[in-house]
Every structure is written in C-alpha cells, then in structure tokens.
Amino acid sequence: MPISAMPGVVQHTLDSLVAEAERCVAAGVGGLMVFGVPVEKDPRGSGADDPDGILNVALRRLRDAVGDDLVLVADLCLDEFTSHGHCGVLAPDGSVDNDATLVRYAEMGLAQAEAGAHVLGLSGMMDGQVGFVREALDEEGLIDTVLLAYAAKYTSGLYGPFREAVGSSLVGDRATYQQDPPNATEAVREIELDLAEGADIVMVKPAGPNLDIVAAAADLSPVPVAAYQISGEYAQIEAAAANGWIDRDRVMAESLIGIKRAGAQIIATYYALEMARHLR
C-alpha cells in the first residue's frame, strides 16, 4: 500500500517484502530494518511477542529467504502494537511505565531473536532497556544477537510520515521519554549509559538535524555509530524535488554524504536501495 507522505515507499505484504529483500541483496544493501503493521492492537501490545504476530512471521520469512545475505534488524518497540500508540505500557495515571515496559521489551526481544533477527533495534528510549534485554537474551543462550541502541532519539516534528506508514494510534507526543532537541549534554550521557549496558551499536535519530550528536557519538563510542535519516527528512527532499525546487538525486546524495562525514558508520535511510544501485 502506498504511503502518501513518502512517494515511492509502500507497506509490504509478506510476499512483496521478500521480493524487496532480494532486490536489496542484489544491489548490495547491507541490511534491512523491519517494522510490523498489525491488524489488531491492545494496551500491552500483545502482537509484539506473539510468534504468529506479523513482525515475527515476517522475520522468519526473511531469515529463510535472505538470512545468509542480508542483516535483518527488527524494530524492538511497542508503539506499532499498542492501541494508545506509545512505546511502552501505561501506568494507571496514563504515563509510560518504564520498568513494566522493560519486561515487555525482553519478551519481544526473545521472540524476535527466535524468529531470526540478527539485530534488535531498541528504539523505545526506556531507561535501562539495553541491559535488561541483554540479560534476558543471555539467559536463553542468545549471546550472538546484536543490540542496536537508539541511544539519542530526539522528539521531532519529522516523524509524521512514518506514523502514517505504520498506522500509528498515538495521540500527543513522546516528549517524556525521547530527547529534548536543545539538550546535547543529555544525549551524550544517554549514549554513554547505553554503551555501559553493553550496546553493540549506538544510533542517533533523526540524523540530519543532529549531525553534531552523530559526531559526538563517533568521538566517544568504541562500537559502531548508526544514524537514521527519518521519514520527514525523506519527505522534505521528495516534496521539494516534486515542485522542481531542487535536484533530487544530488540532494539525496548530499544528505547521505553529510551523515557519513559526521561520523556515522551505518546509515538507515529510505534511499538505501536506490543509493546502493547508484554507487554500483
């Protein structure tokens, strides 16, 4: 299904997802990050750790089809699966319950690892999430599963198109658990905490507005640094190009070069397949 705010990006069926993954392999893309769009949602996000839930089914299909040729990254967050649209379970007062959410993340992480994910993308920004999930995986002997920590994930107006893409139920925002854009000091502290808990990769998101944080992460991190060029960044380029205001291909490349130059060793972008073909 096409996503109106993101021309060229679609919601996939299981079959079309596998076909897209095979195109990624042929083009030399390094990895694929997978999100689920469930038919039903509930307050605790039950579909997130259901072996028959859409995300886990998709991971098994992809692992069977391309698992030796493409790194599979699973989005480990409840927001796609909760009826309220938040990244965690809610306390009686309506706030996100950090510690109760960690339990759900561990359950979700185990389900994703068992479904075939090579990497778990912990994107919920709960305190202690890296250490909690790492311990749960270790206890089950899943010691080779890589943890990608969204260590500095800023609250941003650029997430709007993605919320359409996953059919988000969110009302309000996530400012109480995502980073405050003017605050660079806290972002660096969060990166250091995730590294101390055993993160294998640390992520900065959104990439473009936070290149200074990408550079700071690259300076201090002993593990690879990733940056996520998010939906609103993509949509801005596409909209300006559609109006004839910019050279689309040139700006696409410039935007990714800037992220790379800031220090990102891994870039998550909706342009991945197109850019990989261009580089070849």
C-alpha atoms as a PDB file:
ATOM      1  CA  MET A   1       0.000   0.000   0.000  1.00  0.00           C
ATOM      2  CA  PRO A   2       1.467   3.415  -0.977  1.00  0.00           C
ATOM      3  CA  ILE A   3       2.269   5.942   1.769  1.00  0.00           C
ATOM      4  CA  SER A   4       1.008   9.345   0.655  1.00  0.00           C
ATOM      5  CA  ALA A   5       3.627  11.401   2.514  1.00  0.00           C
ATOM      6  CA  MET A   6       6.517   9.237   1.277  1.00  0.00           C
ATOM      7  CA  PRO A   7       6.395   8.849  -2.513  1.00  0.00           C
ATOM      8  CA  GLY A   8       7.993   5.578  -3.581  1.00  0.00           C
ATOM      9  CA  VAL A   9       7.674   3.962  -0.135  1.00  0.00           C
ATOM     10  CA  VAL A  10       4.979   1.346   0.492  1.00  0.00           C
ATOM     11  CA  GLN A  11       3.621  -1.002   3.126  1.00  0.00           C
ATOM     12  CA  HIS A  12       4.602  -4.516   2.057  1.00  0.00           C
ATOM     13  CA  THR A  13       2.817  -7.834   2.114  1.00  0.00           C
ATOM     14  CA  LEU A  14       4.879 -10.813   3.226  1.00  0.00           C
ATOM     15  CA  ASP A  15       5.488 -11.814  -0.381  1.00  0.00           C
ATOM     16  CA  SER A  16       6.434  -8.358  -1.621  1.00  0.00           C
ATOM     17  CA  LEU A  17       8.690  -7.876   1.405  1.00  0.00           C
ATOM     18  CA  VAL A  18      10.705 -10.953   0.489  1.00  0.00           C
ATOM     19  CA  ALA A  19      10.941  -9.751  -3.118  1.00  0.00           C
ATOM     20  CA  GLU A  20      12.163  -6.343  -1.918  1.00  0.00           C
ATOM     21  CA  ALA A  21      14.740  -8.012   0.326  1.00  0.00           C
ATOM     22  CA  GLU A  22      16.026  -9.988  -2.641  1.00  0.00           C
ATOM     23  CA  ARG A  23      16.401  -6.740  -4.587  1.00  0.00           C
ATOM     24  CA  CYS A  24      18.370  -5.335  -1.650  1.00  0.00           C
ATOM     25  CA  VAL A  25      20.733  -8.310  -1.737  1.00  0.00           C
ATOM     26  CA  ALA A  26      21.269  -7.911  -5.475  1.00  0.00           C
ATOM     27  CA  ALA A  27      22.031  -4.202  -5.063  1.00  0.00           C
ATOM     28  CA  GLY A  28      24.470  -4.708  -2.205  1.00  0.00           C
ATOM     29  CA  VAL A  29      22.420  -3.138   0.606  1.00  0.00           C
ATOM     30  CA  GLY A  30      23.904  -4.149   3.950  1.00  0.00           C
ATOM     31  CA  GLY A  31      20.763  -4.668   5.979  1.00  0.00           C
ATOM     32  CA  LEU A  32      17.012  -4.324   6.227  1.00  0.00           C
ATOM     33  CA  MET A  33      15.090  -2.894   9.185  1.00  0.00           C
ATOM     34  CA  VAL A  34      11.661  -4.488   9.601  1.00  0.00           C
ATOM     35  CA  PHE A  35       8.555  -2.917  11.170  1.00  0.00           C
ATOM     36  CA  GLY A  36       5.163  -4.557  11.640  1.00  0.00           C
ATOM     37  CA  VAL A  37       1.682  -3.183  10.972  1.00  0.00           C
ATOM     38  CA  PRO A  38      -0.732  -5.408  12.921  1.00  0.00           C
ATOM     39  CA  VAL A  39      -4.444  -5.701  12.208  1.00  0.00           C
ATOM     40  CA  GLU A  40      -5.309  -5.661  15.914  1.00  0.00           C
ATOM     41  CA  LYS A  41      -3.791  -3.694  18.798  1.00  0.00           C
ATOM     42  CA  ASP A  42      -4.253  -3.666  22.559  1.00  0.00           C
ATOM     43  CA  PRO A  43      -2.878  -1.668  25.515  1.00  0.00           C
ATOM     44  CA  ARG A  44       0.061  -4.021  26.151  1.00  0.00           C
ATOM     45  CA  GLY A  45       0.982  -4.635  22.525  1.00  0.00           C
ATOM     46  CA  SER A  46       0.331  -8.371  22.650  1.00  0.00           C
ATOM     47  CA  GLY A  47       1.164  -8.856  18.982  1.00  0.00           C
ATOM     48  CA  ALA A  48       4.742  -7.782  19.564  1.00  0.00           C
ATOM     49  CA  ASP A  49       5.877 -11.070  21.108  1.00  0.00           C
ATOM     50  CA  ASP A  50       3.260 -13.366  19.557  1.00  0.00           C
ATOM     51  CA  PRO A  51       5.152 -15.905  17.401  1.00  0.00           C
ATOM     52  CA  ASP A  52       2.298 -15.586  14.915  1.00  0.00           C
ATOM     53  CA  GLY A  53       2.356 -11.789  15.039  1.00  0.00           C
ATOM     54  CA  ILE A  54       3.067 -10.091  11.737  1.00  0.00           C
ATOM     55  CA  LEU A  55       6.563  -8.849  12.582  1.00  0.00           C
ATOM     56  CA  ASN A  56       7.793 -12.220  13.817  1.00  0.00           C
ATOM     57  CA  VAL A  57       6.252 -14.036  10.865  1.00  0.00           C
ATOM     58  CA  ALA A  58       7.967 -11.574   8.525  1.00  0.00           C
ATOM     59  CA  LEU A  59      11.312 -12.104  10.247  1.00  0.00           C
ATOM     60  CA  ARG A  60      11.058 -15.878   9.805  1.00  0.00           C
ATOM     61  CA  ARG A  61      10.190 -15.480   6.125  1.00  0.00           C
ATOM     62  CA  LEU A  62      13.122 -13.124   5.580  1.00  0.00           C
ATOM     63  CA  ARG A  63      15.577 -15.274   7.518  1.00  0.00           C
ATOM     64  CA  ASP A  64      14.664 -18.274   5.381  1.00  0.00           C
ATOM     65  CA  ALA A  65      14.901 -16.289   2.133  1.00  0.00           C
ATOM     66  CA  VAL A  66      17.863 -13.939   2.597  1.00  0.00           C
ATOM     67  CA  GLY A  67      19.193 -14.572   6.087  1.00  0.00           C
ATOM     68  CA  ASP A  68      22.663 -15.518   4.871  1.00  0.00           C
ATOM     69  CA  ASP A  69      22.976 -12.459   2.625  1.00  0.00           C
ATOM     70  CA  LEU A  70      21.303  -9.564   4.459  1.00  0.00           C
ATOM     71  CA  VAL A  71      21.486  -8.352   8.058  1.00  0.00           C
ATOM     72  CA  LEU A  72      17.945  -8.380   9.462  1.00  0.00           C
ATOM     73  CA  VAL A  73      17.176  -5.677  12.012  1.00  0.00           C
ATOM     74  CA  ALA A  74      13.932  -5.960  13.981  1.00  0.00           C
ATOM     75  CA  ASP A  75      12.295  -2.858  15.421  1.00  0.00           C
ATOM     76  CA  LEU A  76      12.039  -3.601  19.128  1.00  0.00           C
ATOM     77  CA  CYS A  77       9.369  -1.171  20.278  1.00  0.00           C
ATOM     78  CA  LEU A  78       5.712  -1.459  21.242  1.00  0.00           C
ATOM     79  CA  ASP A  79       4.346   1.633  19.502  1.00  0.00           C
ATOM     80  CA  GLU A  80       3.162  -0.201  16.383  1.00  0.00           C
ATOM     81  CA  PHE A  81       1.310  -2.743  18.525  1.00  0.00           C
ATOM     82  CA  THR A  82      -0.292  -0.653  21.288  1.00  0.00           C
ATOM     83  CA  SER A  83      -3.777   0.778  20.969  1.00  0.00           C
ATOM     84  CA  HIS A  84      -2.589   4.022  22.587  1.00  0.00           C
ATOM     85  CA  GLY A  85       0.448   4.314  20.289  1.00  0.00           C
ATOM     86  CA  HIS A  86       3.075   4.819  22.977  1.00  0.00           C
ATOM     87  CA  CYS A  87       6.380   2.952  23.038  1.00  0.00           C
ATOM     88  CA  GLY A  88       5.578   1.232  26.318  1.00  0.00           C
ATOM     89  CA  VAL A  89       2.787   0.050  28.574  1.00  0.00           C
ATOM     90  CA  LEU A  90       0.936   2.713  30.536  1.00  0.00           C
ATOM     91  CA  ALA A  91       0.605   3.225  34.268  1.00  0.00           C
ATOM     92  CA  PRO A  92      -2.861   3.959  35.749  1.00  0.00           C
ATOM     93  CA  ASP A  93      -2.184   7.707  35.508  1.00  0.00           C
ATOM     94  CA  GLY A  94      -1.552   7.441  31.752  1.00  0.00           C
ATOM     95  CA  SER A  95       2.220   7.858  31.918  1.00  0.00           C
ATOM     96  CA  VAL A  96       4.554   5.297  30.370  1.00  0.00           C
ATOM     97  CA  ASP A  97       5.653   2.746  32.990  1.00  0.00           C
ATOM     98  CA  ASN A  98       9.375   2.384  32.314  1.00  0.00           C
ATOM     99  CA  ASP A  99      10.023  -0.783  34.347  1.00  0.00           C
ATOM    100  CA  ALA A 100       6.892  -2.626  33.202  1.00  0.00           C
ATOM    101  CA  THR A 101       7.864  -1.771  29.650  1.00  0.00           C
ATOM    102  CA  LEU A 102      11.299  -3.338  30.098  1.00  0.00           C
ATOM    103  CA  VAL A 103       9.624  -6.682  30.806  1.00  0.00           C
ATOM    104  CA  ARG A 104       7.661  -6.403  27.569  1.00  0.00           C
ATOM    105  CA  TYR A 105      10.825  -5.451  25.663  1.00  0.00           C
ATOM    106  CA  ALA A 106      12.587  -8.560  26.950  1.00  0.00           C
ATOM    107  CA  GLU A 107       9.662 -10.736  25.841  1.00  0.00           C
ATOM    108  CA  MET A 108       9.606  -9.018  22.468  1.00  0.00           C
ATOM    109  CA  GLY A 109      13.368  -9.322  22.062  1.00  0.00           C
ATOM    110  CA  LEU A 110      13.319 -13.047  22.739  1.00  0.00           C
ATOM    111  CA  ALA A 111      10.529 -13.539  20.205  1.00  0.00           C
ATOM    112  CA  GLN A 112      12.384 -11.555  17.556  1.00  0.00           C
ATOM    113  CA  ALA A 113      15.692 -13.316  18.133  1.00  0.00           C
ATOM    114  CA  GLU A 114      13.981 -16.705  17.943  1.00  0.00           C
ATOM    115  CA  ALA A 115      12.218 -15.591  14.740  1.00  0.00           C
ATOM    116  CA  GLY A 116      15.581 -14.947  13.106  1.00  0.00           C
ATOM    117  CA  ALA A 117      16.537 -11.314  13.666  1.00  0.00           C
ATOM    118  CA  HIS A 118      20.285 -10.759  13.627  1.00  0.00           C
ATOM    119  CA  VAL A 119      19.953  -7.338  15.270  1.00  0.00           C
ATOM    120  CA  LEU A 120      17.395  -5.940  17.691  1.00  0.00           C
ATOM    121  CA  GLY A 121      16.771  -2.218  17.285  1.00  0.00           C
ATOM    122  CA  LEU A 122      15.829  -0.954  20.731  1.00  0.00           C
ATOM    123  CA  SER A 123      14.027   2.229  19.752  1.00  0.00           C
ATOM    124  CA  GLY A 124      11.741   2.884  22.721  1.00  0.00           C
ATOM    125  CA  MET A 125      14.112   5.087  24.769  1.00  0.00           C
ATOM    126  CA  MET A 126      13.277   3.424  28.084  1.00  0.00           C
ATOM    127  CA  ASP A 127      15.904   3.761  30.812  1.00  0.00           C
ATOM    128  CA  GLY A 128      17.843   0.514  31.226  1.00  0.00           C
ATOM    129  CA  GLN A 129      16.463  -1.164  28.099  1.00  0.00           C
ATOM    130  CA  VAL A 130      19.816  -2.314  26.725  1.00  0.00           C
ATOM    131  CA  GLY A 131      20.983  -4.048  29.886  1.00  0.00           C
ATOM    132  CA  PHE A 132      17.572  -5.593  30.575  1.00  0.00           C
ATOM    133  CA  VAL A 133      17.200  -7.100  27.091  1.00  0.00           C
ATOM    134  CA  ARG A 134      20.842  -8.206  27.009  1.00  0.00           C
ATOM    135  CA  GLU A 135      20.397 -10.130  30.272  1.00  0.00           C
ATOM    136  CA  ALA A 136      17.214 -11.785  29.000  1.00  0.00           C
ATOM    137  CA  LEU A 137      18.931 -12.881  25.785  1.00  0.00           C
ATOM    138  CA  ASP A 138      21.994 -14.180  27.627  1.00  0.00           C
ATOM    139  CA  GLU A 139      19.840 -16.256  29.959  1.00  0.00           C
ATOM    140  CA  GLU A 140      18.357 -18.011  26.913  1.00  0.00           C
ATOM    141  CA  GLY A 141      21.754 -18.543  25.289  1.00  0.00           C
ATOM    142  CA  LEU A 142      21.102 -15.976  22.541  1.00  0.00           C
ATOM    143  CA  ILE A 143      24.511 -14.430  23.010  1.00  0.00           C
ATOM    144  CA  ASP A 144      25.151 -13.642  19.336  1.00  0.00           C
ATOM    145  CA  THR A 145      22.124 -11.375  18.913  1.00  0.00           C
ATOM    146  CA  VAL A 146      23.313  -7.817  18.302  1.00  0.00           C
ATOM    147  CA  LEU A 147      21.752  -4.908  20.200  1.00  0.00           C
ATOM    148  CA  LEU A 148      21.352  -1.652  18.300  1.00  0.00           C
ATOM    149  CA  ALA A 149      20.531   1.024  20.867  1.00  0.00           C
ATOM    150  CA  TYR A 150      18.654   4.128  19.813  1.00  0.00           C
ATOM    151  CA  ALA A 151      20.804   5.974  22.310  1.00  0.00           C
ATOM    152  CA  ALA A 152      19.947   9.531  21.260  1.00  0.00           C
ATOM    153  CA  LYS A 153      16.453   9.574  19.792  1.00  0.00           C
ATOM    154  CA  TYR A 154      15.062  13.097  19.733  1.00  0.00           C
ATOM    155  CA  THR A 155      11.433  14.096  19.863  1.00  0.00           C
ATOM    156  CA  SER A 156      10.842  15.696  16.458  1.00  0.00           C
ATOM    157  CA  GLY A 157       8.263  17.010  14.063  1.00  0.00           C
ATOM    158  CA  LEU A 158       9.851  14.907  11.337  1.00  0.00           C
ATOM    159  CA  TYR A 159       8.228  11.604  12.410  1.00  0.00           C
ATOM    160  CA  GLY A 160       4.841  12.437  10.898  1.00  0.00           C
ATOM    161  CA  PRO A 161       5.085  10.492   7.621  1.00  0.00           C
ATOM    162  CA  PHE A 162       6.296   7.376   9.443  1.00  0.00           C
ATOM    163  CA  ARG A 163       3.263   7.442  11.705  1.00  0.00           C
ATOM    164  CA  GLU A 164       1.145   7.190   8.579  1.00  0.00           C
ATOM    165  CA  ALA A 165       3.358   4.341   7.377  1.00  0.00           C
ATOM    166  CA  VAL A 166       2.765   2.188  10.470  1.00  0.00           C
ATOM    167  CA  GLY A 167      -0.811   3.300  11.133  1.00  0.00           C
ATOM    168  CA  SER A 168       0.145   4.831  14.475  1.00  0.00           C
ATOM    169  CA  SER A 169      -2.557   5.244  17.123  1.00  0.00           C
ATOM    170  CA  LEU A 170      -0.604   7.891  19.026  1.00  0.00           C
ATOM    171  CA  VAL A 171      -2.384  10.929  20.422  1.00  0.00           C
ATOM    172  CA  GLY A 172       0.000  13.566  21.764  1.00  0.00           C
ATOM    173  CA  ASP A 173       3.757  13.045  21.719  1.00  0.00           C
ATOM    174  CA  ARG A 174       6.623  11.108  23.312  1.00  0.00           C
ATOM    175  CA  ALA A 175       8.481  14.052  24.802  1.00  0.00           C
ATOM    176  CA  THR A 176       8.616  12.491  28.278  1.00  0.00           C
ATOM    177  CA  TYR A 177      10.947   9.692  27.138  1.00  0.00           C
ATOM    178  CA  GLN A 178      12.608  10.935  23.947  1.00  0.00           C
ATOM    179  CA  GLN A 179      15.391  13.521  23.907  1.00  0.00           C
ATOM    180  CA  ASP A 180      14.776  17.265  24.094  1.00  0.00           C
ATOM    181  CA  PRO A 181      16.196  18.850  20.892  1.00  0.00           C
ATOM    182  CA  PRO A 182      18.078  21.737  22.566  1.00  0.00           C
ATOM    183  CA  ASN A 183      19.818  19.393  25.007  1.00  0.00           C
ATOM    184  CA  ALA A 184      23.082  17.923  23.696  1.00  0.00           C
ATOM    185  CA  THR A 185      24.550  17.095  27.095  1.00  0.00           C
ATOM    186  CA  GLU A 186      21.823  14.614  27.973  1.00  0.00           C
ATOM    187  CA  ALA A 187      22.157  12.901  24.600  1.00  0.00           C
ATOM    188  CA  VAL A 188      25.851  12.240  25.190  1.00  0.00           C
ATOM    189  CA  ARG A 189      25.038  10.915  28.664  1.00  0.00           C
ATOM    190  CA  GLU A 190      22.425   8.548  27.199  1.00  0.00           C
ATOM    191  CA  ILE A 191      24.957   7.239  24.683  1.00  0.00           C
ATOM    192  CA  GLU A 192      27.452   6.589  27.477  1.00  0.00           C
ATOM    193  CA  LEU A 193      24.810   4.762  29.548  1.00  0.00           C
ATOM    194  CA  ASP A 194      23.837   2.500  26.642  1.00  0.00           C
ATOM    195  CA  LEU A 195      27.484   1.704  25.976  1.00  0.00           C
ATOM    196  CA  ALA A 196      27.949   0.815  29.649  1.00  0.00           C
ATOM    197  CA  GLU A 197      24.948  -1.544  29.435  1.00  0.00           C
ATOM    198  CA  GLY A 198      26.508  -3.424  26.516  1.00  0.00           C
ATOM    199  CA  ALA A 199      25.129  -1.855  23.342  1.00  0.00           C
ATOM    200  CA  ASP A 200      26.795  -3.290  20.233  1.00  0.00           C
ATOM    201  CA  ILE A 201      25.800  -0.304  18.070  1.00  0.00           C
ATOM    202  CA  VAL A 202      24.524   3.137  19.087  1.00  0.00           C
ATOM    203  CA  MET A 203      22.061   5.132  16.994  1.00  0.00           C
ATOM    204  CA  VAL A 204      21.290   8.839  16.628  1.00  0.00           C
ATOM    205  CA  LYS A 205      17.844   9.754  15.281  1.00  0.00           C
ATOM    206  CA  PRO A 206      16.875  11.898  13.371  1.00  0.00           C
ATOM    207  CA  ALA A 207      20.185  12.115  11.549  1.00  0.00           C
ATOM    208  CA  GLY A 208      20.113  15.373   9.604  1.00  0.00           C
ATOM    209  CA  PRO A 209      19.187  17.820  12.385  1.00  0.00           C
ATOM    210  CA  ASN A 210      21.564  16.122  14.829  1.00  0.00           C
ATOM    211  CA  LEU A 211      24.853  15.765  12.960  1.00  0.00           C
ATOM    212  CA  ASP A 212      26.657  17.303  15.930  1.00  0.00           C
ATOM    213  CA  ILE A 213      25.411  14.423  18.090  1.00  0.00           C
ATOM    214  CA  VAL A 214      26.458  11.916  15.434  1.00  0.00           C
ATOM    215  CA  ALA A 215      29.943  13.445  15.543  1.00  0.00           C
ATOM    216  CA  ALA A 216      29.996  13.393  19.357  1.00  0.00           C
ATOM    217  CA  ALA A 217      28.934   9.739  19.365  1.00  0.00           C
ATOM    218  CA  ALA A 218      31.647   8.863  16.842  1.00  0.00           C
ATOM    219  CA  ASP A 219      34.243  10.547  19.035  1.00  0.00           C
ATOM    220  CA  LEU A 220      33.354   8.678  22.213  1.00  0.00           C
ATOM    221  CA  SER A 221      31.960   5.324  21.059  1.00  0.00           C
ATOM    222  CA  PRO A 222      34.117   2.172  20.878  1.00  0.00           C
ATOM    223  CA  VAL A 223      31.316   0.466  18.894  1.00  0.00           C
ATOM    224  CA  PRO A 224      29.838   1.406  15.502  1.00  0.00           C
ATOM    225  CA  VAL A 225      27.672   4.521  15.296  1.00  0.00           C
ATOM    226  CA  ALA A 226      24.479   4.477  13.251  1.00  0.00           C
ATOM    227  CA  ALA A 227      22.262   7.374  12.184  1.00  0.00           C
ATOM    228  CA  TYR A 228      18.676   7.223  10.956  1.00  0.00           C
ATOM    229  CA  GLN A 229      17.549   9.541   8.155  1.00  0.00           C
ATOM    230  CA  ILE A 230      13.879   9.520   9.051  1.00  0.00           C
ATOM    231  CA  SER A 231      10.611   9.783   7.157  1.00  0.00           C
ATOM    232  CA  GLY A 232      10.249  13.549   7.392  1.00  0.00           C
ATOM    233  CA  GLU A 233      13.763  14.070   6.060  1.00  0.00           C
ATOM    234  CA  TYR A 234      12.915  11.850   3.091  1.00  0.00           C
ATOM    235  CA  ALA A 235       9.548  13.560   2.581  1.00  0.00           C
ATOM    236  CA  GLN A 236      11.116  17.025   2.524  1.00  0.00           C
ATOM    237  CA  ILE A 237      13.513  16.054  -0.252  1.00  0.00           C
ATOM    238  CA  GLU A 238      10.776  14.349  -2.260  1.00  0.00           C
ATOM    239  CA  ALA A 239       8.344  17.250  -1.901  1.00  0.00           C
ATOM    240  CA  ALA A 240      10.900  19.876  -2.875  1.00  0.00           C
ATOM    241  CA  ALA A 241      12.022  17.791  -5.847  1.00  0.00           C
ATOM    242  CA  ALA A 242       8.433  17.223  -6.988  1.00  0.00           C
ATOM    243  CA  ASN A 243       7.999  21.000  -7.096  1.00  0.00           C
ATOM    244  CA  GLY A 244      11.139  21.401  -9.182  1.00  0.00           C
ATOM    245  CA  TRP A 245      12.934  23.351  -6.466  1.00  0.00           C
ATOM    246  CA  ILE A 246      15.930  21.039  -6.046  1.00  0.00           C
ATOM    247  CA  ASP A 247      17.882  18.394  -7.956  1.00  0.00           C
ATOM    248  CA  ARG A 248      16.505  15.274  -6.260  1.00  0.00           C
ATOM    249  CA  ASP A 249      19.366  12.862  -6.901  1.00  0.00           C
ATOM    250  CA  ARG A 250      22.006  15.413  -5.997  1.00  0.00           C
ATOM    251  CA  VAL A 251      20.327  16.369  -2.718  1.00  0.00           C
ATOM    252  CA  MET A 252      19.693  12.706  -1.854  1.00  0.00           C
ATOM    253  CA  ALA A 253      23.412  12.036  -2.183  1.00  0.00           C
ATOM    254  CA  GLU A 254      24.417  15.216  -0.344  1.00  0.00           C
ATOM    255  CA  SER A 255      22.161  14.398   2.588  1.00  0.00           C
ATOM    256  CA  LEU A 256      23.723  10.957   2.995  1.00  0.00           C
ATOM    257  CA  ILE A 257      27.279  12.225   2.473  1.00  0.00           C
ATOM    258  CA  GLY A 258      26.751  14.711   5.296  1.00  0.00           C
ATOM    259  CA  ILE A 259      25.641  11.955   7.669  1.00  0.00           C
ATOM    260  CA  LYS A 260      28.624   9.820   6.704  1.00  0.00           C
ATOM    261  CA  ARG A 261      31.027  12.746   7.041  1.00  0.00           C
ATOM    262  CA  ALA A 262      29.717  13.465  10.555  1.00  0.00           C
ATOM    263  CA  GLY A 263      30.925  10.018  11.606  1.00  0.00           C
ATOM    264  CA  ALA A 264      28.113   7.534  11.029  1.00  0.00           C
ATOM    265  CA  GLN A 265      29.377   4.102  10.045  1.00  0.00           C
ATOM    266  CA  ILE A 266      25.846   2.819   9.406  1.00  0.00           C
ATOM    267  CA  ILE A 267      23.039   4.855   7.833  1.00  0.00           C
ATOM    268  CA  ALA A 268      19.395   3.830   7.970  1.00  0.00           C
ATOM    269  CA  THR A 269      17.593   5.560   5.098  1.00  0.00           C
ATOM    270  CA  TYR A 270      14.637   5.099   2.783  1.00  0.00           C
ATOM    271  CA  TYR A 271      17.083   5.784  -0.034  1.00  0.00           C
ATOM    272  CA  ALA A 272      19.185   2.698   0.759  1.00  0.00           C
ATOM    273  CA  LEU A 273      18.201   0.582  -2.239  1.00  0.00           C
ATOM    274  CA  GLU A 274      18.358   3.480  -4.687  1.00  0.00           C
ATOM    275  CA  MET A 275      21.690   4.755  -3.336  1.00  0.00           C
ATOM    276  CA  ALA A 276      23.224   1.284  -3.361  1.00  0.00           C
ATOM    277  CA  ARG A 277      22.330   0.914  -7.033  1.00  0.00           C
ATOM    278  CA  HIS A 278      23.729   4.378  -7.747  1.00  0.00           C
ATOM    279  CA  LEU A 279      27.029   3.572  -6.013  1.00  0.00           C
ATOM    280  CA  ARG A 280      27.370   0.416  -8.071  1.00  0.00           C
END
